[in-house]
Amino acid sequence: MYFKDKRFVAFGKHVQELRRERGVEIKDIVANTTLSVKDVTAIELGAKNFGFSTLLELAKGLEVTPSQLLDMDFQV
């Protein structure tokens, strides 16, 4: 499913910033989680709606807590 919701795009940019700040490459996330390159790329582009288990896997791959992953400003 493809989304262009501003909230998904903002979250994706936040994920990408966290990943770069931490020096983590997409391949590192894929190696340490059940996520694929396609999954991570789609999340970073704001093009993927995902569930709680994906959020947990993404946090694991970035070596942050889920609350750190969600610590951003966005309108709901």
PDB file of N, CA and C in Angstrom:
ATOM      1  N   MET A   1       0.853  -1.178   0.000  1.00  0.00           N
ATOM      2  CA  MET A   1       0.000   0.000   0.000  1.00  0.00           C
ATOM      3  C   MET A   1       0.897   1.240   0.000  1.00  0.00           C
ATOM      4  N   TYR A   2       0.567   2.246  -0.755  1.00  0.00           N
ATOM      5  CA  TYR A   2       1.380   3.442  -0.876  1.00  0.00           C
ATOM      6  C   TYR A   2       0.659   4.624  -0.239  1.00  0.00           C
ATOM      7  N   PHE A   3       1.358   5.319   0.637  1.00  0.00           N
ATOM      8  CA  PHE A   3       0.791   6.457   1.353  1.00  0.00           C
ATOM      9  C   PHE A   3       1.565   7.718   1.006  1.00  0.00           C
ATOM     10  N   LYS A   4       0.891   8.827   1.049  1.00  0.00           N
ATOM     11  CA  LYS A   4       1.547  10.120   0.937  1.00  0.00           C
ATOM     12  C   LYS A   4       1.058  11.026   2.060  1.00  0.00           C
ATOM     13  N   ASP A   5       0.645  10.432   3.135  1.00  0.00           N
ATOM     14  CA  ASP A   5       0.203  11.158   4.316  1.00  0.00           C
ATOM     15  C   ASP A   5       1.413  11.867   4.932  1.00  0.00           C
ATOM     16  N   LYS A   6       1.259  13.134   5.255  1.00  0.00           N
ATOM     17  CA  LYS A   6       2.359  13.923   5.814  1.00  0.00           C
ATOM     18  C   LYS A   6       2.939  13.294   7.072  1.00  0.00           C
ATOM     19  N   ARG A   7       2.103  12.631   7.854  1.00  0.00           N
ATOM     20  CA  ARG A   7       2.583  12.006   9.091  1.00  0.00           C
ATOM     21  C   ARG A   7       3.524  10.845   8.792  1.00  0.00           C
ATOM     22  N   PHE A   8       3.214  10.068   7.774  1.00  0.00           N
ATOM     23  CA  PHE A   8       4.094   8.962   7.392  1.00  0.00           C
ATOM     24  C   PHE A   8       5.415   9.498   6.851  1.00  0.00           C
ATOM     25  N   VAL A   9       5.332  10.547   6.042  1.00  0.00           N
ATOM     26  CA  VAL A   9       6.535  11.160   5.482  1.00  0.00           C
ATOM     27  C   VAL A   9       7.399  11.744   6.600  1.00  0.00           C
ATOM     28  N   ALA A  10       6.787  12.448   7.554  1.00  0.00           N
ATOM     29  CA  ALA A  10       7.532  13.030   8.674  1.00  0.00           C
ATOM     30  C   ALA A  10       8.187  11.939   9.519  1.00  0.00           C
ATOM     31  N   PHE A  11       7.450  10.863   9.782  1.00  0.00           N
ATOM     32  CA  PHE A  11       8.018   9.764  10.557  1.00  0.00           C
ATOM     33  C   PHE A  11       9.182   9.130   9.804  1.00  0.00           C
ATOM     34  N   GLY A  12       9.023   8.947   8.508  1.00  0.00           N
ATOM     35  CA  GLY A  12      10.094   8.369   7.699  1.00  0.00           C
ATOM     36  C   GLY A  12      11.357   9.206   7.728  1.00  0.00           C
ATOM     37  N   LYS A  13      11.206  10.515   7.642  1.00  0.00           N
ATOM     38  CA  LYS A  13      12.363  11.412   7.722  1.00  0.00           C
ATOM     39  C   LYS A  13      13.019  11.313   9.090  1.00  0.00           C
ATOM     40  N   HIS A  14      12.196  11.214  10.127  1.00  0.00           N
ATOM     41  CA  HIS A  14      12.707  11.069  11.493  1.00  0.00           C
ATOM     42  C   HIS A  14      13.509   9.774  11.626  1.00  0.00           C
ATOM     43  N   VAL A  15      12.987   8.689  11.094  1.00  0.00           N
ATOM     44  CA  VAL A  15      13.685   7.397  11.134  1.00  0.00           C
ATOM     45  C   VAL A  15      15.023   7.506  10.408  1.00  0.00           C
ATOM     46  N   GLN A  16      15.003   8.121   9.241  1.00  0.00           N
ATOM     47  CA  GLN A  16      16.232   8.266   8.462  1.00  0.00           C
ATOM     48  C   GLN A  16      17.262   9.110   9.215  1.00  0.00           C
ATOM     49  N   GLU A  17      16.816  10.191   9.852  1.00  0.00           N
ATOM     50  CA  GLU A  17      17.720  11.031  10.637  1.00  0.00           C
ATOM     51  C   GLU A  17      18.318  10.250  11.801  1.00  0.00           C
ATOM     52  N   LEU A  18      17.477   9.510  12.523  1.00  0.00           N
ATOM     53  CA  LEU A  18      17.976   8.683  13.629  1.00  0.00           C
ATOM     54  C   LEU A  18      19.006   7.674  13.131  1.00  0.00           C
ATOM     55  N   ARG A  19      18.696   7.041  12.029  1.00  0.00           N
ATOM     56  CA  ARG A  19      19.600   6.032  11.480  1.00  0.00           C
ATOM     57  C   ARG A  19      20.949   6.644  11.127  1.00  0.00           C
ATOM     58  N   ARG A  20      20.928   7.783  10.472  1.00  0.00           N
ATOM     59  CA  ARG A  20      22.180   8.439  10.070  1.00  0.00           C
ATOM     60  C   ARG A  20      22.960   8.949  11.279  1.00  0.00           C
ATOM     61  N   GLU A  21      22.255   9.543  12.253  1.00  0.00           N
ATOM     62  CA  GLU A  21      22.911  10.023  13.474  1.00  0.00           C
ATOM     63  C   GLU A  21      23.626   8.891  14.203  1.00  0.00           C
ATOM     64  N   ARG A  22      23.039   7.719  14.171  1.00  0.00           N
ATOM     65  CA  ARG A  22      23.586   6.566  14.881  1.00  0.00           C
ATOM     66  C   ARG A  22      24.593   5.787  14.030  1.00  0.00           C
ATOM     67  N   GLY A  23      24.791   6.206  12.793  1.00  0.00           N
ATOM     68  CA  GLY A  23      25.733   5.531  11.908  1.00  0.00           C
ATOM     69  C   GLY A  23      25.288   4.139  11.499  1.00  0.00           C
ATOM     70  N   VAL A  24      23.976   3.956  11.421  1.00  0.00           N
ATOM     71  CA  VAL A  24      23.405   2.656  11.066  1.00  0.00           C
ATOM     72  C   VAL A  24      23.000   2.680   9.593  1.00  0.00           C
ATOM     73  N   GLU A  25      23.360   1.639   8.873  1.00  0.00           N
ATOM     74  CA  GLU A  25      22.944   1.514   7.478  1.00  0.00           C
ATOM     75  C   GLU A  25      21.724   0.604   7.403  1.00  0.00           C
ATOM     76  N   ILE A  26      20.971   0.753   6.333  1.00  0.00           N
ATOM     77  CA  ILE A  26      19.779  -0.081   6.163  1.00  0.00           C
ATOM     78  C   ILE A  26      20.147  -1.561   6.239  1.00  0.00           C
ATOM     79  N   LYS A  27      21.269  -1.934   5.656  1.00  0.00           N
ATOM     80  CA  LYS A  27      21.685  -3.344   5.681  1.00  0.00           C
ATOM     81  C   LYS A  27      21.913  -3.835   7.107  1.00  0.00           C
ATOM     82  N   ASP A  28      22.317  -2.940   8.022  1.00  0.00           N
ATOM     83  CA  ASP A  28      22.501  -3.317   9.424  1.00  0.00           C
ATOM     84  C   ASP A  28      21.156  -3.621  10.079  1.00  0.00           C
ATOM     85  N   ILE A  29      20.163  -2.801   9.779  1.00  0.00           N
ATOM     86  CA  ILE A  29      18.817  -3.029  10.320  1.00  0.00           C
ATOM     87  C   ILE A  29      18.289  -4.366   9.820  1.00  0.00           C
ATOM     88  N   VAL A  30      18.458  -4.611   8.535  1.00  0.00           N
ATOM     89  CA  VAL A  30      17.975  -5.856   7.927  1.00  0.00           C
ATOM     90  C   VAL A  30      18.673  -7.069   8.549  1.00  0.00           C
ATOM     91  N   ALA A  31      19.966  -6.953   8.812  1.00  0.00           N
ATOM     92  CA  ALA A  31      20.735  -8.072   9.369  1.00  0.00           C
ATOM     93  C   ALA A  31      20.316  -8.423  10.792  1.00  0.00           C
ATOM     94  N   ASN A  32      19.787  -7.444  11.520  1.00  0.00           N
ATOM     95  CA  ASN A  32      19.478  -7.649  12.937  1.00  0.00           C
ATOM     96  C   ASN A  32      17.993  -7.705  13.259  1.00  0.00           C
ATOM     97  N   THR A  33      17.157  -7.710  12.232  1.00  0.00           N
ATOM     98  CA  THR A  33      15.704  -7.717  12.443  1.00  0.00           C
ATOM     99  C   THR A  33      15.038  -8.622  11.409  1.00  0.00           C
ATOM    100  N   THR A  34      13.727  -8.671  11.471  1.00  0.00           N
ATOM    101  CA  THR A  34      12.965  -9.423  10.464  1.00  0.00           C
ATOM    102  C   THR A  34      12.541  -8.528   9.299  1.00  0.00           C
ATOM    103  N   LEU A  35      12.995  -7.278   9.297  1.00  0.00           N
ATOM    104  CA  LEU A  35      12.622  -6.335   8.243  1.00  0.00           C
ATOM    105  C   LEU A  35      13.476  -6.543   6.996  1.00  0.00           C
ATOM    106  N   SER A  36      12.911  -6.209   5.855  1.00  0.00           N
ATOM    107  CA  SER A  36      13.643  -6.287   4.588  1.00  0.00           C
ATOM    108  C   SER A  36      14.111  -4.888   4.184  1.00  0.00           C
ATOM    109  N   VAL A  37      15.006  -4.845   3.214  1.00  0.00           N
ATOM    110  CA  VAL A  37      15.444  -3.559   2.666  1.00  0.00           C
ATOM    111  C   VAL A  37      14.232  -2.791   2.151  1.00  0.00           C
ATOM    112  N   LYS A  38      13.340  -3.497   1.482  1.00  0.00           N
ATOM    113  CA  LYS A  38      12.124  -2.874   0.943  1.00  0.00           C
ATOM    114  C   LYS A  38      11.286  -2.261   2.065  1.00  0.00           C
ATOM    115  N   ASP A  39      11.138  -2.976   3.186  1.00  0.00           N
ATOM    116  CA  ASP A  39      10.363  -2.458   4.321  1.00  0.00           C
ATOM    117  C   ASP A  39      10.959  -1.164   4.859  1.00  0.00           C
ATOM    118  N   VAL A  40      12.254  -1.194   5.149  1.00  0.00           N
ATOM    119  CA  VAL A  40      12.917  -0.029   5.752  1.00  0.00           C
ATOM    120  C   VAL A  40      12.891   1.155   4.792  1.00  0.00           C
ATOM    121  N   THR A  41      13.165   0.902   3.536  1.00  0.00           N
ATOM    122  CA  THR A  41      13.145   1.973   2.539  1.00  0.00           C
ATOM    123  C   THR A  41      11.755   2.591   2.429  1.00  0.00           C
ATOM    124  N   ALA A  42      10.728   1.760   2.393  1.00  0.00           N
ATOM    125  CA  ALA A  42       9.352   2.264   2.297  1.00  0.00           C
ATOM    126  C   ALA A  42       8.976   3.087   3.523  1.00  0.00           C
ATOM    127  N   ILE A  43       9.403   2.655   4.702  1.00  0.00           N
ATOM    128  CA  ILE A  43       9.124   3.417   5.926  1.00  0.00           C
ATOM    129  C   ILE A  43       9.810   4.772   5.848  1.00  0.00           C
ATOM    130  N   GLU A  44      11.080   4.790   5.457  1.00  0.00           N
ATOM    131  CA  GLU A  44      11.819   6.053   5.376  1.00  0.00           C
ATOM    132  C   GLU A  44      11.232   7.001   4.333  1.00  0.00           C
ATOM    133  N   LEU A  45      10.618   6.464   3.309  1.00  0.00           N
ATOM    134  CA  LEU A  45       9.989   7.301   2.278  1.00  0.00           C
ATOM    135  C   LEU A  45       8.571   7.721   2.654  1.00  0.00           C
ATOM    136  N   GLY A  46       8.074   7.203   3.772  1.00  0.00           N
ATOM    137  CA  GLY A  46       6.705   7.513   4.176  1.00  0.00           C
ATOM    138  C   GLY A  46       5.680   6.792   3.334  1.00  0.00           C
ATOM    139  N   ALA A  47       6.091   5.683   2.727  1.00  0.00           N
ATOM    140  CA  ALA A  47       5.230   4.974   1.786  1.00  0.00           C
ATOM    141  C   ALA A  47       4.682   3.670   2.349  1.00  0.00           C
ATOM    142  N   LYS A  48       4.810   3.461   3.653  1.00  0.00           N
ATOM    143  CA  LYS A  48       4.361   2.190   4.222  1.00  0.00           C
ATOM    144  C   LYS A  48       3.644   2.421   5.539  1.00  0.00           C
ATOM    145  N   ASN A  49       2.454   1.884   5.629  1.00  0.00           N
ATOM    146  CA  ASN A  49       1.734   1.828   6.896  1.00  0.00           C
ATOM    147  C   ASN A  49       2.158   0.519   7.547  1.00  0.00           C
ATOM    148  N   PHE A  50       2.441   0.544   8.828  1.00  0.00           N
ATOM    149  CA  PHE A  50       2.966  -0.649   9.474  1.00  0.00           C
ATOM    150  C   PHE A  50       2.385  -0.807  10.868  1.00  0.00           C
ATOM    151  N   GLY A  51       2.558  -1.974  11.417  1.00  0.00           N
ATOM    152  CA  GLY A  51       2.008  -2.300  12.726  1.00  0.00           C
ATOM    153  C   GLY A  51       3.022  -2.177  13.845  1.00  0.00           C
ATOM    154  N   PHE A  52       2.545  -2.493  15.031  1.00  0.00           N
ATOM    155  CA  PHE A  52       3.351  -2.375  16.236  1.00  0.00           C
ATOM    156  C   PHE A  52       4.583  -3.270  16.193  1.00  0.00           C
ATOM    157  N   SER A  53       4.447  -4.475  15.675  1.00  0.00           N
ATOM    158  CA  SER A  53       5.601  -5.385  15.626  1.00  0.00           C
ATOM    159  C   SER A  53       6.705  -4.820  14.731  1.00  0.00           C
ATOM    160  N   THR A  54       6.331  -4.138  13.664  1.00  0.00           N
ATOM    161  CA  THR A  54       7.323  -3.505  12.796  1.00  0.00           C
ATOM    162  C   THR A  54       8.000  -2.353  13.517  1.00  0.00           C
ATOM    163  N   LEU A  55       7.240  -1.588  14.278  1.00  0.00           N
ATOM    164  CA  LEU A  55       7.811  -0.501  15.071  1.00  0.00           C
ATOM    165  C   LEU A  55       8.852  -1.051  16.044  1.00  0.00           C
ATOM    166  N   LEU A  56       8.531  -2.156  16.702  1.00  0.00           N
ATOM    167  CA  LEU A  56       9.469  -2.775  17.640  1.00  0.00           C
ATOM    168  C   LEU A  56      10.725  -3.265  16.926  1.00  0.00           C
ATOM    169  N   GLU A  57      10.562  -3.870  15.768  1.00  0.00           N
ATOM    170  CA  GLU A  57      11.714  -4.343  14.993  1.00  0.00           C
ATOM    171  C   GLU A  57      12.578  -3.163  14.538  1.00  0.00           C
ATOM    172  N   LEU A  58      11.952  -2.095  14.112  1.00  0.00           N
ATOM    173  CA  LEU A  58      12.682  -0.910  13.674  1.00  0.00           C
ATOM    174  C   LEU A  58      13.477  -0.314  14.834  1.00  0.00           C
ATOM    175  N   ALA A  59      12.865  -0.226  15.999  1.00  0.00           N
ATOM    176  CA  ALA A  59      13.567   0.273  17.187  1.00  0.00           C
ATOM    177  C   ALA A  59      14.761  -0.623  17.509  1.00  0.00           C
ATOM    178  N   LYS A  60      14.559  -1.922  17.439  1.00  0.00           N
ATOM    179  CA  LYS A  60      15.639  -2.886  17.684  1.00  0.00           C
ATOM    180  C   LYS A  60      16.786  -2.665  16.700  1.00  0.00           C
ATOM    181  N   GLY A  61      16.454  -2.513  15.435  1.00  0.00           N
ATOM    182  CA  GLY A  61      17.468  -2.318  14.409  1.00  0.00           C
ATOM    183  C   GLY A  61      18.241  -1.023  14.561  1.00  0.00           C
ATOM    184  N   LEU A  62      17.582  -0.001  15.080  1.00  0.00           N
ATOM    185  CA  LEU A  62      18.228   1.295  15.301  1.00  0.00           C
ATOM    186  C   LEU A  62      18.883   1.388  16.675  1.00  0.00           C
ATOM    187  N   GLU A  63      18.654   0.361  17.502  1.00  0.00           N
ATOM    188  CA  GLU A  63      19.159   0.326  18.878  1.00  0.00           C
ATOM    189  C   GLU A  63      18.667   1.526  19.681  1.00  0.00           C
ATOM    190  N   VAL A  64      17.362   1.763  19.573  1.00  0.00           N
ATOM    191  CA  VAL A  64      16.685   2.799  20.355  1.00  0.00           C
ATOM    192  C   VAL A  64      15.442   2.166  20.971  1.00  0.00           C
ATOM    193  N   THR A  65      14.852   2.860  21.922  1.00  0.00           N
ATOM    194  CA  THR A  65      13.597   2.381  22.486  1.00  0.00           C
ATOM    195  C   THR A  65      12.454   2.807  21.565  1.00  0.00           C
ATOM    196  N   PRO A  66      11.327   2.118  21.635  1.00  0.00           N
ATOM    197  CA  PRO A  66      10.183   2.557  20.832  1.00  0.00           C
ATOM    198  C   PRO A  66       9.788   4.005  21.141  1.00  0.00           C
ATOM    199  N   SER A  67       9.907   4.408  22.404  1.00  0.00           N
ATOM    200  CA  SER A  67       9.545   5.789  22.746  1.00  0.00           C
ATOM    201  C   SER A  67      10.509   6.784  22.101  1.00  0.00           C
ATOM    202  N   GLN A  68      11.782   6.428  21.979  1.00  0.00           N
ATOM    203  CA  GLN A  68      12.730   7.304  21.284  1.00  0.00           C
ATOM    204  C   GLN A  68      12.374   7.405  19.803  1.00  0.00           C
ATOM    205  N   LEU A  69      11.930   6.306  19.256  1.00  0.00           N
ATOM    206  CA  LEU A  69      11.546   6.287  17.849  1.00  0.00           C
ATOM    207  C   LEU A  69      10.338   7.186  17.595  1.00  0.00           C
ATOM    208  N   LEU A  70       9.449   7.260  18.562  1.00  0.00           N
ATOM    209  CA  LEU A  70       8.233   8.065  18.415  1.00  0.00           C
ATOM    210  C   LEU A  70       8.379   9.489  18.948  1.00  0.00           C
ATOM    211  N   ASP A  71       9.561   9.838  19.444  1.00  0.00           N
ATOM    212  CA  ASP A  71       9.789  11.157  20.024  1.00  0.00           C
ATOM    213  C   ASP A  71      10.006  12.186  18.915  1.00  0.00           C
ATOM    214  N   MET A  72       8.908  12.672  18.390  1.00  0.00           N
ATOM    215  CA  MET A  72       8.947  13.665  17.317  1.00  0.00           C
ATOM    216  C   MET A  72       7.657  14.463  17.336  1.00  0.00           C
ATOM    217  N   ASP A  73       7.686  15.615  16.708  1.00  0.00           N
ATOM    218  CA  ASP A  73       6.491  16.445  16.624  1.00  0.00           C
ATOM    219  C   ASP A  73       5.752  16.147  15.329  1.00  0.00           C
ATOM    220  N   PHE A  74       4.493  15.794  15.463  1.00  0.00           N
ATOM    221  CA  PHE A  74       3.644  15.645  14.286  1.00  0.00           C
ATOM    222  C   PHE A  74       2.189  15.746  14.708  1.00  0.00           C
ATOM    223  N   GLN A  75       1.364  16.174  13.783  1.00  0.00           N
ATOM    224  CA  GLN A  75      -0.066  16.333  14.033  1.00  0.00           C
ATOM    225  C   GLN A  75      -0.763  15.004  13.781  1.00  0.00           C
ATOM    226  N   VAL A  76      -1.667  14.629  14.683  1.00  0.00           N
ATOM    227  CA  VAL A  76      -2.429  13.393  14.463  1.00  0.00           C
ATOM    228  C   VAL A  76      -3.804  13.708  13.928  1.00  0.00           C
TER     229      VAL A  76
END
